[in-house]
Amino acid sequence: EGVEIYEVKSSTKIDEVYIDDASYQYFVLSNLGLNVKKVSIVYI
């Protein structure tokens, strides 16, 4: 059905810059025609 992105961080909370990071990845993959079903941050 598509792909799911998991961005891994060594932090103990989610900062706004992590959303920027994941959003950039979504931009690249979705513009290549991939169906990005979900984007998640993995943290400590």
PDB file of all heavy atoms in Angstrom:
ATOM      1  N   GLU A   1       0.798  -1.215   0.000  1.00  0.00           N
ATOM      2  CA  GLU A   1       0.000   0.000   0.000  1.00  0.00           C
ATOM      3  C   GLU A   1       0.838   1.276   0.000  1.00  0.00           C
ATOM      4  O   GLU A   1       0.327   2.354  -0.309  1.00  0.00           O
ATOM      5  CB  GLU A   1      -0.937   0.009   1.217  1.00  0.00           C
ATOM      6  CG  GLU A   1      -1.950  -1.123   1.199  1.00  0.00           C
ATOM      7  CD  GLU A   1      -2.811  -1.125   2.446  1.00  0.00           C
ATOM      8  OE1 GLU A   1      -2.603  -0.236   3.314  1.00  0.00           O
ATOM      9  OE2 GLU A   1      -3.687  -1.993   2.564  1.00  0.00           O
ATOM     10  N   GLY A   2       2.108   1.161   0.377  1.00  0.00           N
ATOM     11  CA  GLY A   2       2.958   2.345   0.437  1.00  0.00           C
ATOM     12  C   GLY A   2       4.060   2.186   1.465  1.00  0.00           C
ATOM     13  O   GLY A   2       4.461   1.062   1.809  1.00  0.00           O
ATOM     14  N   VAL A   3       4.554   3.320   1.974  1.00  0.00           N
ATOM     15  CA  VAL A   3       5.693   3.283   2.901  1.00  0.00           C
ATOM     16  C   VAL A   3       5.376   4.103   4.154  1.00  0.00           C
ATOM     17  O   VAL A   3       4.518   4.979   4.140  1.00  0.00           O
ATOM     18  CB  VAL A   3       6.977   3.823   2.242  1.00  0.00           C
ATOM     19  CG1 VAL A   3       7.402   2.963   1.065  1.00  0.00           C
ATOM     20  CG2 VAL A   3       6.810   5.284   1.804  1.00  0.00           C
ATOM     21  N   GLU A   4       6.093   3.778   5.212  1.00  0.00           N
ATOM     22  CA  GLU A   4       6.025   4.541   6.455  1.00  0.00           C
ATOM     23  C   GLU A   4       7.438   5.001   6.818  1.00  0.00           C
ATOM     24  O   GLU A   4       8.382   4.215   6.763  1.00  0.00           O
ATOM     25  CB  GLU A   4       5.449   3.687   7.591  1.00  0.00           C
ATOM     26  CG  GLU A   4       4.018   3.248   7.357  1.00  0.00           C
ATOM     27  CD  GLU A   4       3.499   2.341   8.465  1.00  0.00           C
ATOM     28  OE1 GLU A   4       4.226   2.150   9.473  1.00  0.00           O
ATOM     29  OE2 GLU A   4       2.372   1.819   8.322  1.00  0.00           O
ATOM     30  N   ILE A   5       7.577   6.267   7.190  1.00  0.00           N
ATOM     31  CA  ILE A   5       8.867   6.857   7.565  1.00  0.00           C
ATOM     32  C   ILE A   5       8.981   6.879   9.081  1.00  0.00           C
ATOM     33  O   ILE A   5       8.064   7.329   9.777  1.00  0.00           O
ATOM     34  CB  ILE A   5       8.986   8.294   7.016  1.00  0.00           C
ATOM     35  CG1 ILE A   5       9.045   8.293   5.484  1.00  0.00           C
ATOM     36  CG2 ILE A   5      10.187   9.021   7.614  1.00  0.00           C
ATOM     37  CD1 ILE A   5       8.947   9.680   4.864  1.00  0.00           C
ATOM     38  N   TYR A   6      10.110   6.420   9.598  1.00  0.00           N
ATOM     39  CA  TYR A   6      10.405   6.497  11.027  1.00  0.00           C
ATOM     40  C   TYR A   6      11.752   7.200  11.199  1.00  0.00           C
ATOM     41  O   TYR A   6      12.799   6.671  10.813  1.00  0.00           O
ATOM     42  CB  TYR A   6      10.448   5.096  11.658  1.00  0.00           C
ATOM     43  CG  TYR A   6       9.093   4.431  11.686  1.00  0.00           C
ATOM     44  CD1 TYR A   6       8.639   3.709  10.577  1.00  0.00           C
ATOM     45  CD2 TYR A   6       8.257   4.560  12.786  1.00  0.00           C
ATOM     46  CE1 TYR A   6       7.375   3.126  10.569  1.00  0.00           C
ATOM     47  CE2 TYR A   6       6.993   3.969  12.797  1.00  0.00           C
ATOM     48  CZ  TYR A   6       6.560   3.264  11.683  1.00  0.00           C
ATOM     49  OH  TYR A   6       5.310   2.688  11.685  1.00  0.00           O
ATOM     50  N   GLU A   7      11.707   8.411  11.725  1.00  0.00           N
ATOM     51  CA  GLU A   7      12.909   9.213  11.966  1.00  0.00           C
ATOM     52  C   GLU A   7      13.349   8.998  13.413  1.00  0.00           C
ATOM     53  O   GLU A   7      12.585   9.248  14.348  1.00  0.00           O
ATOM     54  CB  GLU A   7      12.624  10.688  11.697  1.00  0.00           C
ATOM     55  CG  GLU A   7      13.741  11.641  12.081  1.00  0.00           C
ATOM     56  CD  GLU A   7      15.001  11.450  11.250  1.00  0.00           C
ATOM     57  OE1 GLU A   7      14.959  10.765  10.201  1.00  0.00           O
ATOM     58  OE2 GLU A   7      16.048  11.980  11.666  1.00  0.00           O
ATOM     59  N   VAL A   8      14.573   8.535  13.611  1.00  0.00           N
ATOM     60  CA  VAL A   8      15.074   8.156  14.936  1.00  0.00           C
ATOM     61  C   VAL A   8      15.894   9.297  15.535  1.00  0.00           C
ATOM     62  O   VAL A   8      16.794   9.839  14.875  1.00  0.00           O
ATOM     63  CB  VAL A   8      15.932   6.882  14.855  1.00  0.00           C
ATOM     64  CG1 VAL A   8      16.443   6.497  16.246  1.00  0.00           C
ATOM     65  CG2 VAL A   8      15.129   5.736  14.244  1.00  0.00           C
ATOM     66  N   LYS A   9      15.586   9.662  16.783  1.00  0.00           N
ATOM     67  CA  LYS A   9      16.314  10.708  17.491  1.00  0.00           C
ATOM     68  C   LYS A   9      16.800  10.177  18.840  1.00  0.00           C
ATOM     69  O   LYS A   9      16.118   9.371  19.476  1.00  0.00           O
ATOM     70  CB  LYS A   9      15.420  11.933  17.712  1.00  0.00           C
ATOM     71  CG  LYS A   9      14.956  12.604  16.415  1.00  0.00           C
ATOM     72  CD  LYS A   9      16.121  13.120  15.591  1.00  0.00           C
ATOM     73  CE  LYS A   9      15.659  13.804  14.321  1.00  0.00           C
ATOM     74  NZ  LYS A   9      16.815  14.224  13.461  1.00  0.00           N
ATOM     75  N   SER A  10      17.945  10.672  19.271  1.00  0.00           N
ATOM     76  CA  SER A  10      18.491  10.257  20.566  1.00  0.00           C
ATOM     77  C   SER A  10      17.985  11.140  21.696  1.00  0.00           C
ATOM     78  O   SER A  10      18.407  10.996  22.841  1.00  0.00           O
ATOM     79  CB  SER A  10      20.028  10.285  20.529  1.00  0.00           C
ATOM     80  OG  SER A  10      20.499  11.569  20.179  1.00  0.00           O
ATOM     81  N   SER A  11      17.056  12.045  21.387  1.00  0.00           N
ATOM     82  CA  SER A  11      16.478  12.938  22.382  1.00  0.00           C
ATOM     83  C   SER A  11      15.401  12.215  23.190  1.00  0.00           C
ATOM     84  O   SER A  11      14.936  11.137  22.828  1.00  0.00           O
ATOM     85  CB  SER A  11      15.876  14.158  21.689  1.00  0.00           C
ATOM     86  OG  SER A  11      15.196  14.986  22.593  1.00  0.00           O
ATOM     87  N   THR A  12      14.984  12.856  24.303  1.00  0.00           N
ATOM     88  CA  THR A  12      13.913  12.311  25.133  1.00  0.00           C
ATOM     89  C   THR A  12      12.590  13.045  24.915  1.00  0.00           C
ATOM     90  O   THR A  12      11.621  12.797  25.620  1.00  0.00           O
ATOM     91  CB  THR A  12      14.299  12.379  26.622  1.00  0.00           C
ATOM     92  OG1 THR A  12      14.539  13.741  26.981  1.00  0.00           O
ATOM     93  CG2 THR A  12      15.542  11.553  26.901  1.00  0.00           C
ATOM     94  N   LYS A  13      12.566  13.965  23.946  1.00  0.00           N
ATOM     95  CA  LYS A  13      11.327  14.659  23.604  1.00  0.00           C
ATOM     96  C   LYS A  13      11.397  15.073  22.139  1.00  0.00           C
ATOM     97  O   LYS A  13      12.469  15.024  21.515  1.00  0.00           O
ATOM     98  CB  LYS A  13      11.110  15.889  24.494  1.00  0.00           C
ATOM     99  CG  LYS A  13      12.194  16.944  24.410  1.00  0.00           C
ATOM    100  CD  LYS A  13      11.935  18.063  25.411  1.00  0.00           C
ATOM    101  CE  LYS A  13      13.021  19.117  25.382  1.00  0.00           C
ATOM    102  NZ  LYS A  13      13.066  19.872  24.111  1.00  0.00           N
ATOM    103  N   ILE A  14      10.259  15.487  21.600  1.00  0.00           N
ATOM    104  CA  ILE A  14      10.203  15.885  20.188  1.00  0.00           C
ATOM    105  C   ILE A  14      10.323  17.398  20.081  1.00  0.00           C
ATOM    106  O   ILE A  14       9.485  18.136  20.592  1.00  0.00           O
ATOM    107  CB  ILE A  14       8.899  15.397  19.540  1.00  0.00           C
ATOM    108  CG1 ILE A  14       8.856  13.869  19.532  1.00  0.00           C
ATOM    109  CG2 ILE A  14       8.776  15.932  18.122  1.00  0.00           C
ATOM    110  CD1 ILE A  14       7.614  13.283  18.908  1.00  0.00           C
ATOM    111  N   ASP A  15      11.377  17.857  19.416  1.00  0.00           N
ATOM    112  CA  ASP A  15      11.561  19.281  19.142  1.00  0.00           C
ATOM    113  C   ASP A  15      11.012  19.617  17.754  1.00  0.00           C
ATOM    114  O   ASP A  15      10.894  18.745  16.883  1.00  0.00           O
ATOM    115  CB  ASP A  15      13.042  19.647  19.206  1.00  0.00           C
ATOM    116  CG  ASP A  15      13.585  19.601  20.622  1.00  0.00           C
ATOM    117  OD1 ASP A  15      12.811  19.874  21.560  1.00  0.00           O
ATOM    118  OD2 ASP A  15      14.778  19.288  20.788  1.00  0.00           O
ATOM    119  N   GLU A  16      10.720  20.895  17.548  1.00  0.00           N
ATOM    120  CA  GLU A  16      10.152  21.330  16.273  1.00  0.00           C
ATOM    121  C   GLU A  16      11.078  21.015  15.099  1.00  0.00           C
ATOM    122  O   GLU A  16      10.613  20.699  14.000  1.00  0.00           O
ATOM    123  CB  GLU A  16       9.863  22.836  16.316  1.00  0.00           C
ATOM    124  CG  GLU A  16       9.144  23.369  15.091  1.00  0.00           C
ATOM    125  CD  GLU A  16       7.764  22.751  14.881  1.00  0.00           C
ATOM    126  OE1 GLU A  16       7.131  22.335  15.882  1.00  0.00           O
ATOM    127  OE2 GLU A  16       7.324  22.690  13.717  1.00  0.00           O
ATOM    128  N   VAL A  17      12.390  21.065  15.342  1.00  0.00           N
ATOM    129  CA  VAL A  17      13.331  20.790  14.256  1.00  0.00           C
ATOM    130  C   VAL A  17      13.204  19.346  13.769  1.00  0.00           C
ATOM    131  O   VAL A  17      13.486  19.047  12.602  1.00  0.00           O
ATOM    132  CB  VAL A  17      14.781  21.105  14.698  1.00  0.00           C
ATOM    133  CG1 VAL A  17      15.262  20.154  15.786  1.00  0.00           C
ATOM    134  CG2 VAL A  17      15.735  21.065  13.501  1.00  0.00           C
ATOM    135  N   TYR A  18      12.759  18.440  14.635  1.00  0.00           N
ATOM    136  CA  TYR A  18      12.555  17.055  14.210  1.00  0.00           C
ATOM    137  C   TYR A  18      11.378  16.958  13.237  1.00  0.00           C
ATOM    138  O   TYR A  18      11.391  16.127  12.317  1.00  0.00           O
ATOM    139  CB  TYR A  18      12.314  16.138  15.407  1.00  0.00           C
ATOM    140  CG  TYR A  18      13.408  16.142  16.447  1.00  0.00           C
ATOM    141  CD1 TYR A  18      13.166  15.683  17.734  1.00  0.00           C
ATOM    142  CD2 TYR A  18      14.689  16.601  16.153  1.00  0.00           C
ATOM    143  CE1 TYR A  18      14.158  15.679  18.695  1.00  0.00           C
ATOM    144  CE2 TYR A  18      15.689  16.617  17.107  1.00  0.00           C
ATOM    145  CZ  TYR A  18      15.413  16.149  18.391  1.00  0.00           C
ATOM    146  OH  TYR A  18      16.402  16.159  19.340  1.00  0.00           O
ATOM    147  N   ILE A  19      10.378  17.796  13.444  1.00  0.00           N
ATOM    148  CA  ILE A  19       9.248  17.839  12.514  1.00  0.00           C
ATOM    149  C   ILE A  19       9.717  18.375  11.159  1.00  0.00           C
ATOM    150  O   ILE A  19       9.319  17.876  10.105  1.00  0.00           O
ATOM    151  CB  ILE A  19       8.097  18.702  13.064  1.00  0.00           C
ATOM    152  CG1 ILE A  19       7.687  18.238  14.472  1.00  0.00           C
ATOM    153  CG2 ILE A  19       6.907  18.676  12.115  1.00  0.00           C
ATOM    154  CD1 ILE A  19       7.181  16.827  14.547  1.00  0.00           C
ATOM    155  N   ASP A  20      10.591  19.386  11.183  1.00  0.00           N
ATOM    156  CA  ASP A  20      11.172  19.899   9.933  1.00  0.00           C
ATOM    157  C   ASP A  20      11.926  18.792   9.197  1.00  0.00           C
ATOM    158  O   ASP A  20      11.807  18.642   7.970  1.00  0.00           O
ATOM    159  CB  ASP A  20      12.128  21.056  10.232  1.00  0.00           C
ATOM    160  CG  ASP A  20      11.410  22.325  10.643  1.00  0.00           C
ATOM    161  OD1 ASP A  20      10.235  22.488  10.268  1.00  0.00           O
ATOM    162  OD2 ASP A  20      12.016  23.148  11.353  1.00  0.00           O
ATOM    163  N   ASP A  21      12.712  18.038   9.945  1.00  0.00           N
ATOM    164  CA  ASP A  21      13.506  16.940   9.390  1.00  0.00           C
ATOM    165  C   ASP A  21      12.587  15.915   8.719  1.00  0.00           C
ATOM    166  O   ASP A  21      12.780  15.533   7.550  1.00  0.00           O
ATOM    167  CB  ASP A  21      14.297  16.298  10.544  1.00  0.00           C
ATOM    168  CG  ASP A  21      15.338  15.304  10.077  1.00  0.00           C
ATOM    169  OD1 ASP A  21      15.117  14.654   9.052  1.00  0.00           O
ATOM    170  OD2 ASP A  21      16.360  15.152  10.766  1.00  0.00           O
ATOM    171  N   ALA A  22      11.570  15.466   9.446  1.00  0.00           N
ATOM    172  CA  ALA A  22      10.646  14.467   8.904  1.00  0.00           C
ATOM    173  C   ALA A  22       9.837  15.016   7.733  1.00  0.00           C
ATOM    174  O   ALA A  22       9.556  14.293   6.761  1.00  0.00           O
ATOM    175  CB  ALA A  22       9.709  13.985  10.020  1.00  0.00           C
ATOM    176  N   SER A  23       9.488  16.298   7.806  1.00  0.00           N
ATOM    177  CA  SER A  23       8.704  16.923   6.727  1.00  0.00           C
ATOM    178  C   SER A  23       9.512  16.983   5.437  1.00  0.00           C
ATOM    179  O   SER A  23       8.972  16.808   4.333  1.00  0.00           O
ATOM    180  CB  SER A  23       8.271  18.331   7.145  1.00  0.00           C
ATOM    181  OG  SER A  23       7.485  18.293   8.305  1.00  0.00           O
ATOM    182  N   TYR A  24      10.799  17.257   5.562  1.00  0.00           N
ATOM    183  CA  TYR A  24      11.674  17.281   4.397  1.00  0.00           C
ATOM    184  C   TYR A  24      11.715  15.893   3.739  1.00  0.00           C
ATOM    185  O   TYR A  24      11.655  15.775   2.506  1.00  0.00           O
ATOM    186  CB  TYR A  24      13.074  17.722   4.817  1.00  0.00           C
ATOM    187  CG  TYR A  24      14.115  17.650   3.735  1.00  0.00           C
ATOM    188  CD1 TYR A  24      14.263  18.681   2.811  1.00  0.00           C
ATOM    189  CD2 TYR A  24      14.956  16.556   3.635  1.00  0.00           C
ATOM    190  CE1 TYR A  24      15.226  18.618   1.806  1.00  0.00           C
ATOM    191  CE2 TYR A  24      15.925  16.475   2.642  1.00  0.00           C
ATOM    192  CZ  TYR A  24      16.052  17.503   1.729  1.00  0.00           C
ATOM    193  OH  TYR A  24      16.999  17.430   0.744  1.00  0.00           O
ATOM    194  N   GLN A  25      11.784  14.846   4.551  1.00  0.00           N
ATOM    195  CA  GLN A  25      11.805  13.492   4.004  1.00  0.00           C
ATOM    196  C   GLN A  25      10.491  13.173   3.282  1.00  0.00           C
ATOM    197  O   GLN A  25      10.489  12.574   2.203  1.00  0.00           O
ATOM    198  CB  GLN A  25      12.045  12.482   5.133  1.00  0.00           C
ATOM    199  CG  GLN A  25      13.433  12.605   5.758  1.00  0.00           C
ATOM    200  CD  GLN A  25      13.593  11.706   6.957  1.00  0.00           C
ATOM    201  OE1 GLN A  25      13.499  10.493   6.860  1.00  0.00           O
ATOM    202  NE2 GLN A  25      13.842  12.301   8.128  1.00  0.00           N
ATOM    203  N   TYR A  26       9.379  13.563   3.888  1.00  0.00           N
ATOM    204  CA  TYR A  26       8.072  13.356   3.252  1.00  0.00           C
ATOM    205  C   TYR A  26       8.035  14.079   1.902  1.00  0.00           C
ATOM    206  O   TYR A  26       7.533  13.537   0.909  1.00  0.00           O
ATOM    207  CB  TYR A  26       6.964  13.868   4.173  1.00  0.00           C
ATOM    208  CG  TYR A  26       5.569  13.678   3.633  1.00  0.00           C
ATOM    209  CD1 TYR A  26       4.801  12.580   4.019  1.00  0.00           C
ATOM    210  CD2 TYR A  26       5.003  14.596   2.748  1.00  0.00           C
ATOM    211  CE1 TYR A  26       3.506  12.408   3.532  1.00  0.00           C
ATOM    212  CE2 TYR A  26       3.728  14.433   2.250  1.00  0.00           C
ATOM    213  CZ  TYR A  26       2.974  13.336   2.647  1.00  0.00           C
ATOM    214  OH  TYR A  26       1.709  13.167   2.151  1.00  0.00           O
ATOM    215  N   PHE A  27       8.552  15.300   1.861  1.00  0.00           N
ATOM    216  CA  PHE A  27       8.574  16.084   0.627  1.00  0.00           C
ATOM    217  C   PHE A  27       9.306  15.333  -0.479  1.00  0.00           C
ATOM    218  O   PHE A  27       8.813  15.219  -1.610  1.00  0.00           O
ATOM    219  CB  PHE A  27       9.254  17.432   0.893  1.00  0.00           C
ATOM    220  CG  PHE A  27       9.455  18.274  -0.330  1.00  0.00           C
ATOM    221  CD1 PHE A  27       8.449  19.097  -0.808  1.00  0.00           C
ATOM    222  CD2 PHE A  27      10.663  18.244  -1.024  1.00  0.00           C
ATOM    223  CE1 PHE A  27       8.634  19.872  -1.954  1.00  0.00           C
ATOM    224  CE2 PHE A  27      10.859  19.017  -2.158  1.00  0.00           C
ATOM    225  CZ  PHE A  27       9.845  19.832  -2.620  1.00  0.00           C
ATOM    226  N   VAL A  28      10.483  14.802  -0.160  1.00  0.00           N
ATOM    227  CA  VAL A  28      11.285  14.102  -1.160  1.00  0.00           C
ATOM    228  C   VAL A  28      10.561  12.845  -1.644  1.00  0.00           C
ATOM    229  O   VAL A  28      10.400  12.620  -2.845  1.00  0.00           O
ATOM    230  CB  VAL A  28      12.677  13.752  -0.592  1.00  0.00           C
ATOM    231  CG1 VAL A  28      13.456  12.852  -1.561  1.00  0.00           C
ATOM    232  CG2 VAL A  28      13.478  15.025  -0.315  1.00  0.00           C
ATOM    233  N   LEU A  29      10.118  12.013  -0.709  1.00  0.00           N
ATOM    234  CA  LEU A  29       9.516  10.735  -1.087  1.00  0.00           C
ATOM    235  C   LEU A  29       8.184  10.909  -1.807  1.00  0.00           C
ATOM    236  O   LEU A  29       7.911  10.235  -2.811  1.00  0.00           O
ATOM    237  CB  LEU A  29       9.328   9.842   0.152  1.00  0.00           C
ATOM    238  CG  LEU A  29      10.523   8.942   0.505  1.00  0.00           C
ATOM    239  CD1 LEU A  29      11.745   9.760   0.893  1.00  0.00           C
ATOM    240  CD2 LEU A  29      10.152   7.963   1.616  1.00  0.00           C
ATOM    241  N   SER A  30       7.355  11.815  -1.316  1.00  0.00           N
ATOM    242  CA  SER A  30       6.035  11.987  -1.944  1.00  0.00           C
ATOM    243  C   SER A  30       6.171  12.583  -3.341  1.00  0.00           C
ATOM    244  O   SER A  30       5.403  12.234  -4.248  1.00  0.00           O
ATOM    245  CB  SER A  30       5.136  12.855  -1.062  1.00  0.00           C
ATOM    246  OG  SER A  30       5.693  14.152  -0.882  1.00  0.00           O
ATOM    247  N   ASN A  31       7.139  13.466  -3.565  1.00  0.00           N
ATOM    248  CA  ASN A  31       7.348  14.038  -4.890  1.00  0.00           C
ATOM    249  C   ASN A  31       7.950  13.041  -5.867  1.00  0.00           C
ATOM    250  O   ASN A  31       7.898  13.257  -7.087  1.00  0.00           O
ATOM    251  CB  ASN A  31       8.211  15.293  -4.805  1.00  0.00           C
ATOM    252  CG  ASN A  31       7.399  16.531  -4.471  1.00  0.00           C
ATOM    253  OD1 ASN A  31       6.664  17.056  -5.313  1.00  0.00           O
ATOM    254  ND2 ASN A  31       7.494  16.976  -3.226  1.00  0.00           N
ATOM    255  N   LEU A  32       8.497  11.947  -5.348  1.00  0.00           N
ATOM    256  CA  LEU A  32       8.978  10.869  -6.209  1.00  0.00           C
ATOM    257  C   LEU A  32       7.866   9.885  -6.545  1.00  0.00           C
ATOM    258  O   LEU A  32       8.088   8.897  -7.246  1.00  0.00           O
ATOM    259  CB  LEU A  32      10.139  10.133  -5.526  1.00  0.00           C
ATOM    260  CG  LEU A  32      11.456  10.911  -5.435  1.00  0.00           C
ATOM    261  CD1 LEU A  32      12.432  10.211  -4.508  1.00  0.00           C
ATOM    262  CD2 LEU A  32      12.069  11.090  -6.817  1.00  0.00           C
ATOM    263  N   GLY A  33       6.650  10.147  -6.030  1.00  0.00           N
ATOM    264  CA  GLY A  33       5.515   9.311  -6.365  1.00  0.00           C
ATOM    265  C   GLY A  33       5.221   8.209  -5.374  1.00  0.00           C
ATOM    266  O   GLY A  33       4.324   7.388  -5.610  1.00  0.00           O
ATOM    267  N   LEU A  34       5.950   8.150  -4.278  1.00  0.00           N
ATOM    268  CA  LEU A  34       5.693   7.130  -3.265  1.00  0.00           C
ATOM    269  C   LEU A  34       4.509   7.526  -2.399  1.00  0.00           C
ATOM    270  O   LEU A  34       4.331   8.708  -2.068  1.00  0.00           O
ATOM    271  CB  LEU A  34       6.927   6.934  -2.380  1.00  0.00           C
ATOM    272  CG  LEU A  34       8.131   6.286  -3.054  1.00  0.00           C
ATOM    273  CD1 LEU A  34       9.368   6.455  -2.186  1.00  0.00           C
ATOM    274  CD2 LEU A  34       7.880   4.815  -3.317  1.00  0.00           C
ATOM    275  N   ASN A  35       3.696   6.571  -2.027  1.00  0.00           N
ATOM    276  CA  ASN A  35       2.575   6.810  -1.134  1.00  0.00           C
ATOM    277  C   ASN A  35       3.076   6.706   0.306  1.00  0.00           C
ATOM    278  O   ASN A  35       3.273   5.606   0.826  1.00  0.00           O
ATOM    279  CB  ASN A  35       1.460   5.791  -1.379  1.00  0.00           C
ATOM    280  CG  ASN A  35       0.301   5.962  -0.395  1.00  0.00           C
ATOM    281  OD1 ASN A  35       0.015   7.075   0.043  1.00  0.00           O
ATOM    282  ND2 ASN A  35      -0.340   4.866  -0.043  1.00  0.00           N
ATOM    283  N   VAL A  36       3.301   7.862   0.930  1.00  0.00           N
ATOM    284  CA  VAL A  36       3.784   7.881   2.315  1.00  0.00           C
ATOM    285  C   VAL A  36       2.569   7.841   3.229  1.00  0.00           C
ATOM    286  O   VAL A  36       1.862   8.834   3.403  1.00  0.00           O
ATOM    287  CB  VAL A  36       4.649   9.125   2.600  1.00  0.00           C
ATOM    288  CG1 VAL A  36       5.178   9.068   4.037  1.00  0.00           C
ATOM    289  CG2 VAL A  36       5.807   9.214   1.606  1.00  0.00           C
ATOM    290  N   LYS A  37       2.337   6.673   3.826  1.00  0.00           N
ATOM    291  CA  LYS A  37       1.127   6.468   4.636  1.00  0.00           C
ATOM    292  C   LYS A  37       1.236   7.095   6.018  1.00  0.00           C
ATOM    293  O   LYS A  37       0.245   7.562   6.580  1.00  0.00           O
ATOM    294  CB  LYS A  37       0.868   4.970   4.807  1.00  0.00           C
ATOM    295  CG  LYS A  37       0.660   4.217   3.509  1.00  0.00           C
ATOM    296  CD  LYS A  37       0.276   2.771   3.804  1.00  0.00           C
ATOM    297  CE  LYS A  37       1.388   2.045   4.552  1.00  0.00           C
ATOM    298  NZ  LYS A  37       1.007   0.665   4.911  1.00  0.00           N
ATOM    299  N   LYS A  38       2.443   7.099   6.553  1.00  0.00           N
ATOM    300  CA  LYS A  38       2.608   7.565   7.932  1.00  0.00           C
ATOM    301  C   LYS A  38       4.041   8.048   8.142  1.00  0.00           C
ATOM    302  O   LYS A  38       4.977   7.510   7.554  1.00  0.00           O
ATOM    303  CB  LYS A  38       2.277   6.445   8.922  1.00  0.00           C
ATOM    304  CG  LYS A  38       2.331   6.889  10.385  1.00  0.00           C
ATOM    305  CD  LYS A  38       1.657   5.874  11.314  1.00  0.00           C
ATOM    306  CE  LYS A  38       2.507   4.648  11.529  1.00  0.00           C
ATOM    307  NZ  LYS A  38       1.972   3.784  12.622  1.00  0.00           N
ATOM    308  N   VAL A  39       4.185   9.062   8.983  1.00  0.00           N
ATOM    309  CA  VAL A  39       5.505   9.557   9.392  1.00  0.00           C
ATOM    310  C   VAL A  39       5.530   9.594  10.916  1.00  0.00           C
ATOM    311  O   VAL A  39       4.619  10.145  11.544  1.00  0.00           O
ATOM    312  CB  VAL A  39       5.793  10.961   8.829  1.00  0.00           C
ATOM    313  CG1 VAL A  39       7.203  11.402   9.222  1.00  0.00           C
ATOM    314  CG2 VAL A  39       5.619  10.990   7.320  1.00  0.00           C
ATOM    315  N   SER A  40       6.557   9.012  11.503  1.00  0.00           N
ATOM    316  CA  SER A  40       6.658   8.962  12.962  1.00  0.00           C
ATOM    317  C   SER A  40       8.054   9.346  13.419  1.00  0.00           C
ATOM    318  O   SER A  40       9.043   9.146  12.699  1.00  0.00           O
ATOM    319  CB  SER A  40       6.339   7.550  13.478  1.00  0.00           C
ATOM    320  OG  SER A  40       5.026   7.179  13.175  1.00  0.00           O
ATOM    321  N   ILE A  41       8.124   9.903  14.625  1.00  0.00           N
ATOM    322  CA  ILE A  41       9.393  10.171  15.292  1.00  0.00           C
ATOM    323  C   ILE A  41       9.610   9.085  16.345  1.00  0.00           C
ATOM    324  O   ILE A  41       8.725   8.805  17.160  1.00  0.00           O
ATOM    325  CB  ILE A  41       9.407  11.553  15.975  1.00  0.00           C
ATOM    326  CG1 ILE A  41       9.040  12.662  14.986  1.00  0.00           C
ATOM    327  CG2 ILE A  41      10.760  11.813  16.625  1.00  0.00           C
ATOM    328  CD1 ILE A  41      10.054  12.912  13.911  1.00  0.00           C
ATOM    329  N   VAL A  42      10.783   8.480  16.319  1.00  0.00           N
ATOM    330  CA  VAL A  42      11.185   7.489  17.316  1.00  0.00           C
ATOM    331  C   VAL A  42      12.183   8.173  18.248  1.00  0.00           C
ATOM    332  O   VAL A  42      13.189   8.715  17.783  1.00  0.00           O
ATOM    333  CB  VAL A  42      11.843   6.268  16.648  1.00  0.00           C
ATOM    334  CG1 VAL A  42      12.268   5.243  17.694  1.00  0.00           C
ATOM    335  CG2 VAL A  42      10.903   5.641  15.623  1.00  0.00           C
ATOM    336  N   TYR A  43      11.905   8.175  19.539  1.00  0.00           N
ATOM    337  CA  TYR A  43      12.792   8.866  20.479  1.00  0.00           C
ATOM    338  C   TYR A  43      12.886   8.079  21.782  1.00  0.00           C
ATOM    339  O   TYR A  43      12.208   7.060  21.969  1.00  0.00           O
ATOM    340  CB  TYR A  43      12.339  10.302  20.710  1.00  0.00           C
ATOM    341  CG  TYR A  43      10.955  10.469  21.297  1.00  0.00           C
ATOM    342  CD1 TYR A  43      10.775  10.848  22.626  1.00  0.00           C
ATOM    343  CD2 TYR A  43       9.815  10.270  20.523  1.00  0.00           C
ATOM    344  CE1 TYR A  43       9.504  11.024  23.158  1.00  0.00           C
ATOM    345  CE2 TYR A  43       8.542  10.439  21.046  1.00  0.00           C
ATOM    346  CZ  TYR A  43       8.391  10.810  22.367  1.00  0.00           C
ATOM    347  OH  TYR A  43       7.142  10.967  22.899  1.00  0.00           O
ATOM    348  N   ILE A  44      13.736   8.554  22.689  1.00  0.00           N
ATOM    349  CA  ILE A  44      14.075   7.809  23.899  1.00  0.00           C
ATOM    350  C   ILE A  44      13.045   8.028  25.004  1.00  0.00           C
ATOM    351  O   ILE A  44      12.652   9.166  25.271  1.00  0.00           O
ATOM    352  CB  ILE A  44      15.469   8.232  24.413  1.00  0.00           C
ATOM    353  CG1 ILE A  44      16.555   7.893  23.391  1.00  0.00           C
ATOM    354  CG2 ILE A  44      15.781   7.579  25.747  1.00  0.00           C
ATOM    355  CD1 ILE A  44      16.844   6.436  23.234  1.00  0.00           C
TER     356      ILE A  44
END
